[in-house]
Protein backbone atom coordinates (compact mmCIF):
# COMPACT_ATOMS: atom_id res chain seq x y z
CA MET A 1 -4.02 -51.78 1.74
CA THR A 2 -4.62 -48.06 2.26
CA ARG A 3 -1.55 -45.91 1.62
CA ALA A 4 -0.79 -42.57 3.28
CA LEU A 5 1.73 -39.74 3.03
CA ILE A 6 2.62 -37.34 5.84
CA ALA A 7 3.88 -33.79 5.16
CA GLU A 8 5.34 -32.15 8.28
CA ASP A 9 8.43 -29.95 8.61
CA GLU A 10 9.02 -30.86 12.27
CA PRO A 11 10.63 -34.35 12.34
CA ILE A 12 9.49 -35.10 15.89
CA LEU A 13 5.88 -34.20 15.08
CA ALA A 14 6.02 -36.22 11.87
CA ALA A 15 7.34 -39.26 13.75
CA THR A 16 4.72 -38.85 16.47
CA LEU A 17 1.92 -38.65 13.92
CA ALA A 18 3.22 -41.71 12.07
CA ARG A 19 3.58 -43.70 15.28
CA THR A 20 0.07 -42.77 16.44
CA LEU A 21 -1.43 -43.64 13.06
CA GLN A 22 0.27 -47.02 13.03
CA GLY A 23 -1.11 -47.78 16.48
CA LEU A 24 -4.64 -46.82 15.46
CA TRP A 25 -4.51 -48.29 11.95
CA PRO A 26 -1.99 -51.17 11.85
CA ASP A 27 -2.58 -52.02 8.20
CA LEU A 28 -2.07 -48.43 7.03
CA ASP A 29 1.01 -48.17 4.80
CA ILE A 30 2.80 -44.82 5.32
CA VAL A 31 4.63 -44.63 2.00
CA ALA A 32 6.57 -41.41 2.67
CA THR A 33 7.13 -38.48 5.01
CA ALA A 34 7.72 -35.17 3.23
CA PRO A 35 9.50 -32.30 5.00
CA ASN A 36 7.61 -29.53 3.18
CA GLY A 37 4.80 -28.83 0.74
CA LEU A 38 6.98 -28.92 -2.36
CA ALA A 39 8.22 -32.41 -1.54
CA ALA A 40 4.70 -33.49 -0.63
CA VAL A 41 3.43 -32.56 -4.08
CA GLU A 42 6.16 -34.39 -5.95
CA GLN A 43 6.01 -37.50 -3.77
CA THR A 44 2.21 -37.59 -3.95
CA LEU A 45 2.26 -37.42 -7.75
CA LEU A 46 4.87 -40.18 -7.82
CA LEU A 47 3.48 -42.52 -5.16
CA ARG A 48 -0.28 -41.86 -5.53
CA PRO A 49 -1.26 -42.40 -1.87
CA ASP A 50 -4.90 -42.67 -0.80
CA VAL A 51 -4.63 -40.22 2.11
CA LEU A 52 -2.55 -37.11 2.74
CA PHE A 53 -1.84 -35.72 6.20
CA LEU A 54 -0.75 -32.16 5.40
CA ASP A 55 0.60 -29.67 7.87
CA ILE A 56 -0.77 -26.24 6.98
CA ARG A 57 2.24 -24.07 7.79
CA MET A 58 5.41 -25.35 6.18
CA PRO A 59 8.41 -23.56 4.65
CA GLY A 60 8.53 -23.12 0.89
CA GLN A 61 4.93 -24.12 0.28
CA THR A 62 2.02 -24.41 2.70
CA GLY A 63 -0.31 -27.37 2.94
CA LEU A 64 -3.02 -25.24 1.32
CA GLU A 65 -0.79 -24.42 -1.63
CA ALA A 66 0.25 -28.06 -1.93
CA ALA A 67 -3.39 -29.17 -2.02
CA GLU A 68 -4.19 -26.61 -4.69
CA GLU A 69 -1.21 -27.60 -6.82
CA LEU A 70 -2.12 -31.28 -6.53
CA ALA A 71 -5.70 -30.57 -7.64
CA GLU A 72 -4.29 -28.74 -10.65
CA ARG A 73 -1.76 -31.40 -11.62
CA TRP A 74 -3.65 -34.59 -10.73
CA GLU A 75 -4.37 -36.76 -13.77
CA GLY A 76 -5.16 -40.39 -14.47
CA PRO A 77 -7.74 -42.88 -13.26
CA ALA A 78 -6.65 -42.96 -9.60
CA PRO A 79 -9.04 -41.02 -7.33
CA PHE A 80 -7.72 -37.83 -5.77
CA PRO A 81 -6.43 -38.55 -2.25
CA HIS A 82 -8.43 -37.63 0.82
CA ILE A 83 -6.73 -34.79 2.68
CA VAL A 84 -6.49 -34.40 6.44
CA PHE A 85 -5.04 -31.02 7.37
CA VAL A 86 -2.93 -30.77 10.50
CA THR A 87 -3.45 -27.36 12.05
CA ALA A 88 -2.47 -25.29 15.06
CA PHE A 89 -5.46 -22.93 14.66
CA ASP A 90 -7.46 -22.09 17.79
CA ASP A 91 -10.76 -23.80 18.63
CA TYR A 92 -12.91 -21.04 17.11
CA ALA A 93 -11.26 -21.64 13.74
CA VAL A 94 -11.56 -25.41 14.02
CA GLN A 95 -15.34 -25.08 13.94
CA ALA A 96 -15.09 -23.88 10.36
CA PHE A 97 -13.21 -27.03 9.35
CA GLU A 98 -16.06 -29.18 10.57
CA HIS A 99 -18.28 -27.91 7.76
CA ALA A 100 -15.74 -28.78 5.07
CA ALA A 101 -15.52 -31.95 2.98
CA PHE A 102 -12.18 -32.84 4.55
CA ASP A 103 -11.01 -33.51 8.09
CA TYR A 104 -8.49 -31.83 10.38
CA VAL A 105 -6.23 -32.80 13.26
CA LEU A 106 -5.39 -30.17 15.83
CA LYS A 107 -1.83 -29.90 17.11
CA PRO A 108 -0.62 -31.36 19.39
CA VAL A 109 -2.07 -34.52 17.89
CA SER A 110 -4.56 -36.25 20.17
CA SER A 111 -4.84 -40.02 19.82
CA ALA A 112 -8.57 -39.84 20.59
CA ARG A 113 -9.21 -37.16 17.95
CA LEU A 114 -7.04 -38.91 15.39
CA GLY A 115 -8.91 -42.11 16.14
CA LYS A 116 -12.15 -40.47 14.96
CA THR A 117 -10.44 -39.43 11.74
CA VAL A 118 -9.13 -42.95 11.22
CA GLU A 119 -12.57 -44.42 11.85
CA ARG A 120 -14.14 -42.19 9.20
CA LEU A 121 -11.36 -42.84 6.71
CA ARG A 122 -11.58 -46.61 7.17
CA GLY A 123 -15.30 -46.42 6.51
CA VAL A 124 -14.68 -44.53 3.28
CA PHE A 125 -12.14 -47.02 2.02
CA GLU A 126 -14.18 -50.04 3.04
CA ALA A 127 -17.10 -48.63 1.03
CA ARG A 128 -14.77 -47.94 -1.88
CA ALA A 129 -13.66 -51.58 -1.90
CA VAL A 130 -17.18 -52.69 -2.84
CA SER A 131 -18.05 -49.88 -5.23
CA ALA A 132 -16.45 -47.85 -8.00
CA PRO A 133 -14.04 -45.25 -6.57
CA ASN A 134 -15.03 -41.63 -7.01
CA ALA A 135 -12.44 -38.91 -7.38
CA LEU A 136 -12.67 -36.13 -4.83
CA ALA A 137 -14.86 -33.32 -6.12
CA PRO A 138 -12.76 -30.23 -6.93
CA ASP A 139 -15.64 -28.10 -5.61
CA ALA A 140 -15.05 -29.60 -2.17
CA LEU A 141 -11.39 -28.64 -2.32
CA ALA A 142 -12.33 -25.16 -3.51
CA ARG A 143 -14.71 -24.72 -0.57
CA LEU A 144 -12.14 -25.91 1.93
CA LEU A 145 -9.36 -23.74 0.56
CA GLY A 146 -11.71 -20.77 0.68
CA GLN A 147 -12.50 -21.50 4.33
CA LEU A 148 -8.88 -21.88 5.32
CA GLN A 149 -7.75 -18.78 3.45
CA ALA A 150 -10.53 -16.82 5.18
CA LEU A 151 -9.03 -17.85 8.52
CA ALA A 152 -5.63 -16.40 7.63
CA PRO A 153 -4.75 -13.05 9.23
CA ALA A 154 -6.13 -10.19 7.17
CA ALA A 155 -3.53 -8.37 5.15
CA ALA A 156 -3.09 -4.65 5.60
CA PRO A 157 -5.14 -2.66 3.08
CA VAL A 158 -3.21 -1.75 -0.05
CA GLU A 159 -3.90 0.89 -2.65
CA ARG A 160 -5.42 -0.44 -5.87
CA LEU A 161 -3.32 -0.04 -8.99
CA SER A 162 -4.77 1.93 -11.89
CA THR A 163 -1.66 1.58 -14.06
CA ILE A 164 1.27 -0.80 -14.14
CA ARG A 165 4.79 0.40 -14.82
CA ALA A 166 6.75 -2.08 -16.89
CA ALA A 167 10.24 -1.72 -18.33
CA VAL A 168 10.35 -2.35 -22.09
CA GLY A 169 13.91 -1.98 -23.34
CA ASN A 170 15.14 1.42 -22.23
CA ALA A 171 11.65 2.81 -21.79
CA VAL A 172 9.00 2.48 -19.12
CA ARG A 173 5.55 1.57 -20.38
CA MET A 174 2.49 2.71 -18.45
CA ILE A 175 -0.19 0.02 -18.83
CA PRO A 176 -3.76 0.75 -17.67
CA VAL A 177 -4.85 -2.18 -15.51
CA THR A 178 -8.16 -2.40 -17.38
CA ASP A 179 -6.20 -3.07 -20.60
CA VAL A 180 -4.65 -6.23 -19.16
CA VAL A 181 -6.11 -9.46 -20.57
CA PHE A 182 -4.27 -11.71 -18.14
CA PHE A 183 -1.32 -11.89 -15.75
CA GLN A 184 0.92 -14.95 -15.74
CA ALA A 185 3.61 -15.79 -13.19
CA ILE A 186 6.96 -16.75 -14.70
CA ASP A 187 9.59 -17.56 -12.06
CA LYS A 188 10.20 -14.31 -10.15
CA TYR A 189 8.36 -12.20 -12.73
CA VAL A 190 4.80 -11.62 -13.85
CA ASN A 191 4.02 -11.33 -17.55
CA VAL A 192 1.48 -8.55 -18.11
CA VAL A 193 -0.43 -9.42 -21.29
CA THR A 194 -2.63 -6.96 -23.16
CA ALA A 195 -4.42 -7.46 -26.47
CA ASP A 196 -1.41 -6.29 -28.47
CA ALA A 197 1.68 -6.56 -26.25
CA GLU A 198 3.42 -8.23 -23.30
CA ALA A 199 5.71 -6.87 -20.61
CA LEU A 200 7.48 -8.39 -17.61
CA ILE A 201 7.38 -6.88 -14.14
CA ARG A 202 9.51 -8.06 -11.24
CA VAL A 203 6.69 -8.54 -8.74
CA PRO A 204 5.52 -11.91 -7.38
CA LEU A 205 1.94 -12.73 -8.33
CA LYS A 206 1.02 -13.04 -4.63
CA GLU A 207 2.05 -9.42 -4.07
CA LEU A 208 0.26 -8.20 -7.17
CA LEU A 209 -3.10 -9.87 -6.44
CA PRO A 210 -4.15 -7.62 -3.50
CA GLN A 211 -3.43 -4.55 -5.65
CA ILE A 212 -5.85 -5.37 -8.47
CA ASP A 213 -9.63 -5.40 -8.56
CA GLY A 214 -10.79 -8.85 -7.42
CA THR A 215 -14.22 -8.34 -8.98
CA LEU A 216 -12.65 -7.89 -12.42
CA PHE A 217 -9.63 -10.19 -12.23
CA ARG A 218 -9.99 -13.79 -11.09
CA GLN A 219 -7.29 -16.38 -10.44
CA VAL A 220 -7.84 -19.46 -12.63
CA SER A 221 -4.70 -21.39 -11.69
CA ARG A 222 -1.70 -20.98 -9.43
CA SER A 223 0.10 -19.00 -12.14
CA THR A 224 -2.65 -17.22 -14.10
CA VAL A 225 -5.09 -14.41 -13.33
CA VAL A 226 -7.53 -13.36 -16.06
CA ASN A 227 -9.57 -10.27 -16.77
CA MET A 228 -13.09 -11.73 -16.67
CA ALA A 229 -14.30 -9.04 -19.07
CA CYS A 230 -11.97 -10.55 -21.69
CA VAL A 231 -13.21 -14.14 -21.33
CA THR A 232 -15.41 -14.92 -24.34
CA SER A 233 -15.98 -18.64 -23.72
CA ALA A 234 -14.94 -21.66 -21.70
CA GLY A 235 -14.67 -25.18 -23.08
CA ARG A 236 -12.97 -28.49 -22.37
CA ASP A 237 -9.94 -30.01 -24.06
CA ASP A 238 -9.43 -33.69 -24.91
CA LEU A 239 -8.44 -34.39 -21.29
CA GLY A 240 -11.57 -32.76 -19.91
CA LYS A 241 -9.71 -29.70 -18.61
CA VAL A 242 -11.46 -26.33 -18.78
CA MET A 243 -9.82 -23.95 -21.27
CA LEU A 244 -10.61 -20.26 -21.73
CA THR A 245 -10.89 -18.26 -24.94
CA LEU A 246 -9.78 -14.66 -24.44
CA ARG A 247 -10.71 -11.66 -26.51
CA GLY A 248 -7.76 -10.43 -28.56
CA ARG A 249 -5.32 -13.21 -27.56
CA PRO A 250 -4.48 -16.62 -29.08
CA GLU A 251 -3.56 -18.22 -25.73
CA LYS A 252 -6.10 -20.52 -24.12
CA PRO A 253 -5.29 -20.62 -20.40
CA ARG A 254 -6.11 -23.87 -18.62
CA VAL A 255 -8.30 -23.59 -15.52
CA SER A 256 -7.34 -25.49 -12.39
CA PRO A 257 -10.09 -27.84 -11.12
CA VAL A 258 -10.16 -25.71 -7.97
CA TYR A 259 -11.45 -22.73 -10.01
CA ALA A 260 -13.48 -24.56 -12.68
CA HIS A 261 -16.76 -23.79 -10.87
CA LEU A 262 -16.32 -20.11 -11.86
CA PHE A 263 -17.08 -21.01 -15.47
CA ARG A 264 -19.83 -23.59 -15.04
CA GLN A 265 -22.53 -21.28 -16.38
CA MET A 266 -20.58 -20.24 -19.46
């Protein structure tokens, strides 16, 4: 039996989606309904459903962020779940979804449109029943996340940082951005790591990212951004995860599957 999880912060919409799915796919087992992205991640890792119906805009964590976190944390032999995003984007944006490896359902949910999704999903799982299951390619998730993020409203231009001011004891240290080997999010802080020192700044990583040079610094996981000029090699650990070796630092940051394609040629 195919198992599904719904993530939707509006209870009425979640119930409507579940009811419509059960009418279209009677043998679908809806194992849980999560009220936000954070809950969706934890319940997905616990229950291991085959399909996720993720709302894109949810409090705490969006469906996009939930999908990225799941790709980063997913381990074990079970194939990565197929993801159907539920979106309220306009028709012009929906066209972009049609070129992705995943499907979408436009709000308000149409039974006819959802029926097409169900038909495709049933075909996938029927084929899987007679062949070895294949985990979802992280590249496909990376492409889809890139598409969806491109559809988000453009942020106002911000001035690029040349130095970072970080409190160290009673002093303020001025750190040239080009000296930074990597940034790492730690709760409400970001650890600024150079070849010979570390310093905490009270700025969320999401706010810092638009202020640094995206051609020099690349995000490699939800919590880590590295200076590509400091990456000397990329290899795999015993679990097959990509690990980076950085010039001047002993840490070996792990790369999320979503970003692993950045290091394929290394």
